[in-house]
């Protein structure tokens, strides 16, 4: 894996048409890519180096909701929960 010189917590591995990204934030890790076997190999290697727990597919990371529509090959991110929390904090829920 190569480190990203702009974002030091983002690593990338490319092998042919396979791409994987490893994103780290404190004790949270997100592994994404387009090749299930490559992702499995990376997880297996990481588990020999670190104590880790596979939490399955991510639905939230750092307060950001991840949603997928595999049939349409779409991936999206939303911070609607955070926006609602901020609106409530400033008593502005009615402005939705």
PDB file of N, CA and C in Angstrom:
ATOM      1  N   UNK A   1       0.852  -1.173   0.000  1.00  0.00           N
ATOM      2  CA  UNK A   1       0.000   0.000   0.000  1.00  0.00           C
ATOM      3  C   UNK A   1       0.894   1.231   0.000  1.00  0.00           C
ATOM      4  N   UNK A   2       0.469   2.222  -0.737  1.00  0.00           N
ATOM      5  CA  UNK A   2       1.221   3.471  -0.770  1.00  0.00           C
ATOM      6  C   UNK A   2       0.455   4.539   0.001  1.00  0.00           C
ATOM      7  N   UNK A   3       1.221   5.403   0.660  1.00  0.00           N
ATOM      8  CA  UNK A   3       0.607   6.474   1.446  1.00  0.00           C
ATOM      9  C   UNK A   3       0.269   7.649   0.532  1.00  0.00           C
ATOM     10  N   UNK A   4      -0.784   8.339   0.869  1.00  0.00           N
ATOM     11  CA  UNK A   4      -1.209   9.533   0.155  1.00  0.00           C
ATOM     12  C   UNK A   4      -0.430  10.710   0.747  1.00  0.00           C
ATOM     13  N   UNK A   5       0.310  11.441  -0.057  1.00  0.00           N
ATOM     14  CA  UNK A   5       1.142  12.520   0.457  1.00  0.00           C
ATOM     15  C   UNK A   5       0.339  13.739   0.904  1.00  0.00           C
ATOM     16  N   UNK A   6      -0.923  13.815   0.544  1.00  0.00           N
ATOM     17  CA  UNK A   6      -1.760  14.935   0.970  1.00  0.00           C
ATOM     18  C   UNK A   6      -2.568  14.553   2.212  1.00  0.00           C
ATOM     19  N   UNK A   7      -3.094  13.345   2.235  1.00  0.00           N
ATOM     20  CA  UNK A   7      -3.848  12.834   3.390  1.00  0.00           C
ATOM     21  C   UNK A   7      -3.089  11.634   3.943  1.00  0.00           C
ATOM     22  N   UNK A   8      -2.359  11.842   5.033  1.00  0.00           N
ATOM     23  CA  UNK A   8      -1.504  10.785   5.569  1.00  0.00           C
ATOM     24  C   UNK A   8      -2.266   9.619   6.185  1.00  0.00           C
ATOM     25  N   UNK A   9      -3.564   9.748   6.328  1.00  0.00           N
ATOM     26  CA  UNK A   9      -4.347   8.650   6.900  1.00  0.00           C
ATOM     27  C   UNK A   9      -5.037   7.832   5.805  1.00  0.00           C
ATOM     28  N   UNK A  10      -4.721   8.086   4.546  1.00  0.00           N
ATOM     29  CA  UNK A  10      -5.326   7.362   3.426  1.00  0.00           C
ATOM     30  C   UNK A  10      -4.231   6.609   2.676  1.00  0.00           C
ATOM     31  N   UNK A  11      -4.426   5.299   2.559  1.00  0.00           N
ATOM     32  CA  UNK A  11      -3.482   4.452   1.836  1.00  0.00           C
ATOM     33  C   UNK A  11      -4.190   3.849   0.633  1.00  0.00           C
ATOM     34  N   UNK A  12      -3.425   3.598  -0.426  1.00  0.00           N
ATOM     35  CA  UNK A  12      -4.014   3.065  -1.657  1.00  0.00           C
ATOM     36  C   UNK A  12      -3.159   1.909  -2.163  1.00  0.00           C
ATOM     37  N   UNK A  13      -3.839   0.882  -2.655  1.00  0.00           N
ATOM     38  CA  UNK A  13      -3.153  -0.242  -3.297  1.00  0.00           C
ATOM     39  C   UNK A  13      -3.821  -0.478  -4.643  1.00  0.00           C
ATOM     40  N   UNK A  14      -2.998  -0.544  -5.683  1.00  0.00           N
ATOM     41  CA  UNK A  14      -3.492  -0.823  -7.032  1.00  0.00           C
ATOM     42  C   UNK A  14      -2.758  -2.045  -7.553  1.00  0.00           C
ATOM     43  N   UNK A  15      -3.517  -2.978  -8.087  1.00  0.00           N
ATOM     44  CA  UNK A  15      -2.950  -4.170  -8.713  1.00  0.00           C
ATOM     45  C   UNK A  15      -3.795  -4.472  -9.946  1.00  0.00           C
ATOM     46  N   UNK A  16      -3.277  -4.127 -11.113  1.00  0.00           N
ATOM     47  CA  UNK A  16      -4.058  -4.284 -12.337  1.00  0.00           C
ATOM     48  C   UNK A  16      -5.270  -3.382 -12.282  1.00  0.00           C
ATOM     49  N   UNK A  17      -6.454  -3.977 -12.424  1.00  0.00           N
ATOM     50  CA  UNK A  17      -7.688  -3.183 -12.361  1.00  0.00           C
ATOM     51  C   UNK A  17      -8.274  -3.138 -10.944  1.00  0.00           C
ATOM     52  N   UNK A  18      -7.617  -3.795 -10.003  1.00  0.00           N
ATOM     53  CA  UNK A  18      -8.089  -3.811  -8.610  1.00  0.00           C
ATOM     54  C   UNK A  18      -7.530  -2.618  -7.840  1.00  0.00           C
ATOM     55  N   UNK A  19      -8.405  -1.983  -7.082  1.00  0.00           N
ATOM     56  CA  UNK A  19      -8.015  -0.819  -6.282  1.00  0.00           C
ATOM     57  C   UNK A  19      -8.582  -0.985  -4.878  1.00  0.00           C
ATOM     58  N   UNK A  20      -7.769  -0.666  -3.878  1.00  0.00           N
ATOM     59  CA  UNK A  20      -8.231  -0.695  -2.488  1.00  0.00           C
ATOM     60  C   UNK A  20      -7.731   0.558  -1.779  1.00  0.00           C
ATOM     61  N   UNK A  21      -8.570   1.094  -0.906  1.00  0.00           N
ATOM     62  CA  UNK A  21      -8.213   2.237  -0.071  1.00  0.00           C
ATOM     63  C   UNK A  21      -8.390   1.838   1.383  1.00  0.00           C
ATOM     64  N   UNK A  22      -7.425   2.206   2.190  1.00  0.00           N
ATOM     65  CA  UNK A  22      -7.479   2.006   3.632  1.00  0.00           C
ATOM     66  C   UNK A  22      -7.470   3.398   4.253  1.00  0.00           C
ATOM     67  N   UNK A  23      -8.529   3.726   4.981  1.00  0.00           N
ATOM     68  CA  UNK A  23      -8.669   5.049   5.594  1.00  0.00           C
ATOM     69  C   UNK A  23      -8.636   4.872   7.107  1.00  0.00           C
ATOM     70  N   UNK A  24      -7.756   5.606   7.765  1.00  0.00           N
ATOM     71  CA  UNK A  24      -7.583   5.503   9.213  1.00  0.00           C
ATOM     72  C   UNK A  24      -7.948   6.816   9.887  1.00  0.00           C
ATOM     73  N   UNK A  25      -8.633   6.723  11.020  1.00  0.00           N
ATOM     74  CA  UNK A  25      -8.910   7.895  11.846  1.00  0.00           C
ATOM     75  C   UNK A  25      -8.941   7.429  13.295  1.00  0.00           C
ATOM     76  N   UNK A  26      -7.956   7.813  14.058  1.00  0.00           N
ATOM     77  CA  UNK A  26      -7.757   7.405  15.444  1.00  0.00           C
ATOM     78  C   UNK A  26      -7.818   5.877  15.509  1.00  0.00           C
ATOM     79  N   UNK A  27      -8.899   5.293  16.034  1.00  0.00           N
ATOM     80  CA  UNK A  27      -8.985   3.834  16.100  1.00  0.00           C
ATOM     81  C   UNK A  27     -10.051   3.280  15.160  1.00  0.00           C
ATOM     82  N   UNK A  28     -10.489   4.081  14.209  1.00  0.00           N
ATOM     83  CA  UNK A  28     -11.451   3.625  13.199  1.00  0.00           C
ATOM     84  C   UNK A  28     -10.730   3.371  11.882  1.00  0.00           C
ATOM     85  N   UNK A  29     -11.121   2.308  11.220  1.00  0.00           N
ATOM     86  CA  UNK A  29     -10.527   1.942   9.941  1.00  0.00           C
ATOM     87  C   UNK A  29     -11.639   1.651   8.953  1.00  0.00           C
ATOM     88  N   UNK A  30     -11.477   2.150   7.749  1.00  0.00           N
ATOM     89  CA  UNK A  30     -12.425   1.868   6.678  1.00  0.00           C
ATOM     90  C   UNK A  30     -11.623   1.315   5.512  1.00  0.00           C
ATOM     91  N   UNK A  31     -11.995   0.135   5.046  1.00  0.00           N
ATOM     92  CA  UNK A  31     -11.333  -0.506   3.912  1.00  0.00           C
ATOM     93  C   UNK A  31     -12.349  -0.629   2.791  1.00  0.00           C
ATOM     94  N   UNK A  32     -12.044  -0.027   1.657  1.00  0.00           N
ATOM     95  CA  UNK A  32     -12.964  -0.054   0.521  1.00  0.00           C
ATOM     96  C   UNK A  32     -12.196  -0.400  -0.741  1.00  0.00           C
ATOM     97  N   UNK A  33     -12.887  -0.997  -1.699  1.00  0.00           N
ATOM     98  CA  UNK A  33     -12.241  -1.332  -2.961  1.00  0.00           C
ATOM     99  C   UNK A  33     -13.195  -2.032  -3.895  1.00  0.00           C
ATOM    100  N   UNK A  34     -12.657  -2.400  -5.043  1.00  0.00           N
ATOM    101  CA  UNK A  34     -13.494  -3.014  -6.078  1.00  0.00           C
ATOM    102  C   UNK A  34     -13.205  -4.495  -6.281  1.00  0.00           C
ATOM    103  N   UNK A  35     -12.400  -5.099  -5.405  1.00  0.00           N
ATOM    104  CA  UNK A  35     -12.035  -6.506  -5.562  1.00  0.00           C
ATOM    105  C   UNK A  35     -12.148  -7.198  -4.202  1.00  0.00           C
ATOM    106  N   UNK A  36     -13.145  -8.047  -4.047  1.00  0.00           N
ATOM    107  CA  UNK A  36     -13.416  -8.709  -2.766  1.00  0.00           C
ATOM    108  C   UNK A  36     -12.220  -9.535  -2.304  1.00  0.00           C
ATOM    109  N   UNK A  37     -11.558 -10.244  -3.213  1.00  0.00           N
ATOM    110  CA  UNK A  37     -10.401 -11.060  -2.829  1.00  0.00           C
ATOM    111  C   UNK A  37      -9.269 -10.182  -2.301  1.00  0.00           C
ATOM    112  N   UNK A  38      -8.987  -9.077  -2.995  1.00  0.00           N
ATOM    113  CA  UNK A  38      -7.929  -8.178  -2.535  1.00  0.00           C
ATOM    114  C   UNK A  38      -8.261  -7.628  -1.148  1.00  0.00           C
ATOM    115  N   UNK A  39      -9.512  -7.243  -0.930  1.00  0.00           N
ATOM    116  CA  UNK A  39      -9.914  -6.725   0.375  1.00  0.00           C
ATOM    117  C   UNK A  39      -9.742  -7.793   1.455  1.00  0.00           C
ATOM    118  N   UNK A  40     -10.099  -9.031   1.135  1.00  0.00           N
ATOM    119  CA  UNK A  40      -9.919 -10.133   2.080  1.00  0.00           C
ATOM    120  C   UNK A  40      -8.460 -10.361   2.413  1.00  0.00           C
ATOM    121  N   UNK A  41      -7.597 -10.297   1.398  1.00  0.00           N
ATOM    122  CA  UNK A  41      -6.155 -10.462   1.620  1.00  0.00           C
ATOM    123  C   UNK A  41      -5.603  -9.347   2.508  1.00  0.00           C
ATOM    124  N   UNK A  42      -6.037  -8.122   2.259  1.00  0.00           N
ATOM    125  CA  UNK A  42      -5.577  -6.989   3.071  1.00  0.00           C
ATOM    126  C   UNK A  42      -6.053  -7.150   4.512  1.00  0.00           C
ATOM    127  N   UNK A  43      -7.328  -7.530   4.695  1.00  0.00           N
ATOM    128  CA  UNK A  43      -7.852  -7.743   6.054  1.00  0.00           C
ATOM    129  C   UNK A  43      -7.081  -8.849   6.765  1.00  0.00           C
ATOM    130  N   UNK A  44      -6.785  -9.917   6.046  1.00  0.00           N
ATOM    131  CA  UNK A  44      -6.045 -11.030   6.652  1.00  0.00           C
ATOM    132  C   UNK A  44      -4.659 -10.566   7.092  1.00  0.00           C
ATOM    133  N   UNK A  45      -3.978  -9.804   6.246  1.00  0.00           N
ATOM    134  CA  UNK A  45      -2.650  -9.303   6.603  1.00  0.00           C
ATOM    135  C   UNK A  45      -2.732  -8.344   7.787  1.00  0.00           C
ATOM    136  N   UNK A  46      -3.680  -7.419   7.748  1.00  0.00           N
ATOM    137  CA  UNK A  46      -3.828  -6.463   8.848  1.00  0.00           C
ATOM    138  C   UNK A  46      -4.085  -7.171  10.174  1.00  0.00           C
ATOM    139  N   UNK A  47      -4.872  -8.241  10.145  1.00  0.00           N
ATOM    140  CA  UNK A  47      -5.190  -8.953  11.389  1.00  0.00           C
ATOM    141  C   UNK A  47      -3.970  -9.673  11.963  1.00  0.00           C
ATOM    142  N   UNK A  48      -2.944  -9.924  11.141  1.00  0.00           N
ATOM    143  CA  UNK A  48      -1.702 -10.502  11.674  1.00  0.00           C
ATOM    144  C   UNK A  48      -0.816  -9.426  12.287  1.00  0.00           C
ATOM    145  N   UNK A  49      -1.049  -8.178  11.933  1.00  0.00           N
ATOM    146  CA  UNK A  49      -0.227  -7.071  12.419  1.00  0.00           C
ATOM    147  C   UNK A  49      -0.856  -6.333  13.606  1.00  0.00           C
ATOM    148  N   UNK A  50      -2.188  -6.342  13.668  1.00  0.00           N
ATOM    149  CA  UNK A  50      -2.913  -5.569  14.671  1.00  0.00           C
ATOM    150  C   UNK A  50      -4.061  -6.392  15.239  1.00  0.00           C
ATOM    151  N   UNK A  51      -4.453  -6.046  16.455  1.00  0.00           N
ATOM    152  CA  UNK A  51      -5.659  -6.627  17.028  1.00  0.00           C
ATOM    153  C   UNK A  51      -6.829  -5.850  16.443  1.00  0.00           C
ATOM    154  N   UNK A  52      -7.687  -6.532  15.711  1.00  0.00           N
ATOM    155  CA  UNK A  52      -8.796  -5.832  15.070  1.00  0.00           C
ATOM    156  C   UNK A  52     -10.040  -6.694  15.044  1.00  0.00           C
ATOM    157  N   UNK A  53     -11.167  -6.038  14.865  1.00  0.00           N
ATOM    158  CA  UNK A  53     -12.458  -6.706  14.832  1.00  0.00           C
ATOM    159  C   UNK A  53     -13.163  -6.286  13.550  1.00  0.00           C
ATOM    160  N   UNK A  54     -13.614  -7.240  12.761  1.00  0.00           N
ATOM    161  CA  UNK A  54     -14.334  -6.943  11.525  1.00  0.00           C
ATOM    162  C   UNK A  54     -15.779  -6.625  11.881  1.00  0.00           C
ATOM    163  N   UNK A  55     -16.188  -5.405  11.611  1.00  0.00           N
ATOM    164  CA  UNK A  55     -17.542  -4.952  11.938  1.00  0.00           C
ATOM    165  C   UNK A  55     -18.487  -5.101  10.752  1.00  0.00           C
ATOM    166  N   UNK A  56     -18.033  -5.747   9.679  1.00  0.00           N
ATOM    167  CA  UNK A  56     -18.878  -5.913   8.499  1.00  0.00           C
ATOM    168  C   UNK A  56     -18.939  -4.638   7.681  1.00  0.00           C
ATOM    169  N   UNK A  57     -19.959  -4.547   6.864  1.00  0.00           N
ATOM    170  CA  UNK A  57     -20.109  -3.362   6.016  1.00  0.00           C
ATOM    171  C   UNK A  57     -20.402  -2.135   6.866  1.00  0.00           C
ATOM    172  N   UNK A  58     -19.729  -1.058   6.547  1.00  0.00           N
ATOM    173  CA  UNK A  58     -19.942   0.196   7.277  1.00  0.00           C
ATOM    174  C   UNK A  58     -21.241   0.852   6.822  1.00  0.00           C
ATOM    175  N   UNK A  59     -22.010   1.329   7.787  1.00  0.00           N
ATOM    176  CA  UNK A  59     -23.193   2.119   7.450  1.00  0.00           C
ATOM    177  C   UNK A  59     -23.015   3.559   7.931  1.00  0.00           C
ATOM    178  N   UNK A  60     -22.129   3.749   8.910  1.00  0.00           N
ATOM    179  CA  UNK A  60     -21.763   5.083   9.395  1.00  0.00           C
ATOM    180  C   UNK A  60     -20.270   5.108   9.640  1.00  0.00           C
ATOM    181  N   UNK A  61     -19.631   6.236   9.366  1.00  0.00           N
ATOM    182  CA  UNK A  61     -18.242   6.460   9.762  1.00  0.00           C
ATOM    183  C   UNK A  61     -18.085   7.944  10.052  1.00  0.00           C
ATOM    184  N   UNK A  62     -17.596   8.254  11.246  1.00  0.00           N
ATOM    185  CA  UNK A  62     -17.376   9.638  11.670  1.00  0.00           C
ATOM    186  C   UNK A  62     -18.631  10.492  11.523  1.00  0.00           C
ATOM    187  N   UNK A  63     -19.784   9.901  11.820  1.00  0.00           N
ATOM    188  CA  UNK A  63     -21.045  10.633  11.746  1.00  0.00           C
ATOM    189  C   UNK A  63     -21.605  10.798  10.346  1.00  0.00           C
ATOM    190  N   UNK A  64     -20.978  10.172   9.386  1.00  0.00           N
ATOM    191  CA  UNK A  64     -21.435  10.259   7.996  1.00  0.00           C
ATOM    192  C   UNK A  64     -22.119   8.947   7.636  1.00  0.00           C
ATOM    193  N   UNK A  65     -23.353   9.022   7.165  1.00  0.00           N
ATOM    194  CA  UNK A  65     -24.092   7.822   6.772  1.00  0.00           C
ATOM    195  C   UNK A  65     -23.668   7.419   5.362  1.00  0.00           C
ATOM    196  N   UNK A  66     -23.402   6.137   5.209  1.00  0.00           N
ATOM    197  CA  UNK A  66     -23.021   5.572   3.914  1.00  0.00           C
ATOM    198  C   UNK A  66     -24.218   4.790   3.390  1.00  0.00           C
ATOM    199  N   UNK A  67     -24.653   5.085   2.187  1.00  0.00           N
ATOM    200  CA  UNK A  67     -25.750   4.309   1.608  1.00  0.00           C
ATOM    201  C   UNK A  67     -25.341   3.794   0.235  1.00  0.00           C
ATOM    202  N   UNK A  68     -25.860   2.614  -0.081  1.00  0.00           N
ATOM    203  CA  UNK A  68     -25.490   1.931  -1.322  1.00  0.00           C
ATOM    204  C   UNK A  68     -26.729   1.486  -2.071  1.00  0.00           C
ATOM    205  N   UNK A  69     -26.594   1.477  -3.373  1.00  0.00           N
ATOM    206  CA  UNK A  69     -27.590   0.859  -4.247  1.00  0.00           C
ATOM    207  C   UNK A  69     -26.776   0.035  -5.233  1.00  0.00           C
ATOM    208  N   UNK A  70     -26.522  -1.212  -4.835  1.00  0.00           N
ATOM    209  CA  UNK A  70     -25.642  -2.054  -5.650  1.00  0.00           C
ATOM    210  C   UNK A  70     -26.215  -2.328  -7.036  1.00  0.00           C
ATOM    211  N   UNK A  71     -27.539  -2.434  -7.147  1.00  0.00           N
ATOM    212  CA  UNK A  71     -28.140  -2.721  -8.452  1.00  0.00           C
ATOM    213  C   UNK A  71     -27.853  -1.590  -9.444  1.00  0.00           C
ATOM    214  N   UNK A  72     -27.717  -0.371  -8.925  1.00  0.00           N
ATOM    215  CA  UNK A  72     -27.419   0.777  -9.791  1.00  0.00           C
ATOM    216  C   UNK A  72     -25.950   1.191  -9.707  1.00  0.00           C
ATOM    217  N   UNK A  73     -25.149   0.404  -8.945  1.00  0.00           N
ATOM    218  CA  UNK A  73     -23.719   0.673  -8.756  1.00  0.00           C
ATOM    219  C   UNK A  73     -23.487   2.094  -8.239  1.00  0.00           C
ATOM    220  N   UNK A  74     -24.260   2.439  -7.198  1.00  0.00           N
ATOM    221  CA  UNK A  74     -24.166   3.778  -6.617  1.00  0.00           C
ATOM    222  C   UNK A  74     -23.766   3.701  -5.145  1.00  0.00           C
ATOM    223  N   UNK A  75     -23.000   4.678  -4.734  1.00  0.00           N
ATOM    224  CA  UNK A  75     -22.572   4.815  -3.352  1.00  0.00           C
ATOM    225  C   UNK A  75     -22.741   6.283  -2.988  1.00  0.00           C
ATOM    226  N   UNK A  76     -23.318   6.552  -1.828  1.00  0.00           N
ATOM    227  CA  UNK A  76     -23.530   7.942  -1.430  1.00  0.00           C
ATOM    228  C   UNK A  76     -23.201   8.171   0.028  1.00  0.00           C
ATOM    229  N   UNK A  77     -22.977   9.414   0.365  1.00  0.00           N
ATOM    230  CA  UNK A  77     -22.686   9.824   1.731  1.00  0.00           C
ATOM    231  C   UNK A  77     -23.638  10.947   2.107  1.00  0.00           C
ATOM    232  N   UNK A  78     -24.078  10.957   3.357  1.00  0.00           N
ATOM    233  CA  UNK A  78     -24.945  12.040   3.818  1.00  0.00           C
ATOM    234  C   UNK A  78     -24.644  12.361   5.279  1.00  0.00           C
ATOM    235  N   UNK A  79     -24.807  13.620   5.627  1.00  0.00           N
ATOM    236  CA  UNK A  79     -24.649  14.051   7.011  1.00  0.00           C
ATOM    237  C   UNK A  79     -25.973  14.584   7.554  1.00  0.00           C
ATOM    238  N   UNK A  80     -27.078  14.034   7.083  1.00  0.00           N
ATOM    239  CA  UNK A  80     -28.397  14.526   7.492  1.00  0.00           C
ATOM    240  C   UNK A  80     -28.596  14.443   9.006  1.00  0.00           C
ATOM    241  N   UNK A  81     -28.085  13.405   9.655  1.00  0.00           N
ATOM    242  CA  UNK A  81     -28.221  13.290  11.116  1.00  0.00           C
ATOM    243  C   UNK A  81     -27.506  14.444  11.809  1.00  0.00           C
ATOM    244  N   UNK A  82     -26.334  14.783  11.320  1.00  0.00           N
ATOM    245  CA  UNK A  82     -25.570  15.891  11.891  1.00  0.00           C
ATOM    246  C   UNK A  82     -26.311  17.213  11.682  1.00  0.00           C
ATOM    247  N   UNK A  83     -26.854  17.413  10.495  1.00  0.00           N
ATOM    248  CA  UNK A  83     -27.597  18.643  10.191  1.00  0.00           C
ATOM    249  C   UNK A  83     -28.798  18.773  11.126  1.00  0.00           C
ATOM    250  N   UNK A  84     -29.531  17.671  11.323  1.00  0.00           N
ATOM    251  CA  UNK A  84     -30.680  17.701  12.231  1.00  0.00           C
ATOM    252  C   UNK A  84     -30.253  18.019  13.660  1.00  0.00           C
ATOM    253  N   UNK A  85     -29.119  17.469  14.073  1.00  0.00           N
ATOM    254  CA  UNK A  85     -28.593  17.726  15.414  1.00  0.00           C
ATOM    255  C   UNK A  85     -28.241  19.210  15.585  1.00  0.00           C
ATOM    256  N   UNK A  86     -27.605  19.806  14.587  1.00  0.00           N
ATOM    257  CA  UNK A  86     -27.242  21.225  14.653  1.00  0.00           C
ATOM    258  C   UNK A  86     -28.495  22.097  14.667  1.00  0.00           C
ATOM    259  N   UNK A  87     -29.465  21.777  13.814  1.00  0.00           N
ATOM    260  CA  UNK A  87     -30.720  22.539  13.798  1.00  0.00           C
ATOM    261  C   UNK A  87     -31.410  22.490  15.163  1.00  0.00           C
ATOM    262  N   UNK A  88     -31.421  21.308  15.765  1.00  0.00           N
ATOM    263  CA  UNK A  88     -32.055  21.159  17.075  1.00  0.00           C
ATOM    264  C   UNK A  88     -31.292  21.953  18.135  1.00  0.00           C
ATOM    265  N   UNK A  89     -29.971  21.895  18.076  1.00  0.00           N
ATOM    266  CA  UNK A  89     -29.134  22.602  19.052  1.00  0.00           C
ATOM    267  C   UNK A  89     -29.428  24.103  19.053  1.00  0.00           C
ATOM    268  N   UNK A  90     -29.642  24.660  17.875  1.00  0.00           N
ATOM    269  CA  UNK A  90     -29.901  26.091  17.761  1.00  0.00           C
ATOM    270  C   UNK A  90     -31.399  26.415  17.637  1.00  0.00           C
ATOM    271  N   UNK A  91     -32.220  25.418  17.985  1.00  0.00           N
ATOM    272  CA  UNK A  91     -33.680  25.563  17.968  1.00  0.00           C
ATOM    273  C   UNK A  91     -34.182  26.078  16.617  1.00  0.00           C
ATOM    274  N   UNK A  92     -33.717  25.436  15.577  1.00  0.00           N
ATOM    275  CA  UNK A  92     -34.087  25.850  14.220  1.00  0.00           C
ATOM    276  C   UNK A  92     -34.704  24.696  13.433  1.00  0.00           C
ATOM    277  N   UNK A  93     -35.259  23.690  14.151  1.00  0.00           N
ATOM    278  CA  UNK A  93     -35.811  22.517  13.473  1.00  0.00           C
ATOM    279  C   UNK A  93     -36.892  22.886  12.468  1.00  0.00           C
ATOM    280  N   UNK A  94     -37.625  23.940  12.743  1.00  0.00           N
ATOM    281  CA  UNK A  94     -38.732  24.352  11.869  1.00  0.00           C
ATOM    282  C   UNK A  94     -38.248  24.886  10.518  1.00  0.00           C
ATOM    283  N   UNK A  95     -36.948  25.112  10.359  1.00  0.00           N
ATOM    284  CA  UNK A  95     -36.410  25.665   9.110  1.00  0.00           C
ATOM    285  C   UNK A  95     -36.032  24.593   8.098  1.00  0.00           C
ATOM    286  N   UNK A  96     -36.335  23.346   8.370  1.00  0.00           N
ATOM    287  CA  UNK A  96     -35.981  22.246   7.468  1.00  0.00           C
ATOM    288  C   UNK A  96     -36.551  22.460   6.091  1.00  0.00           C
TER     289      UNK A  96
END
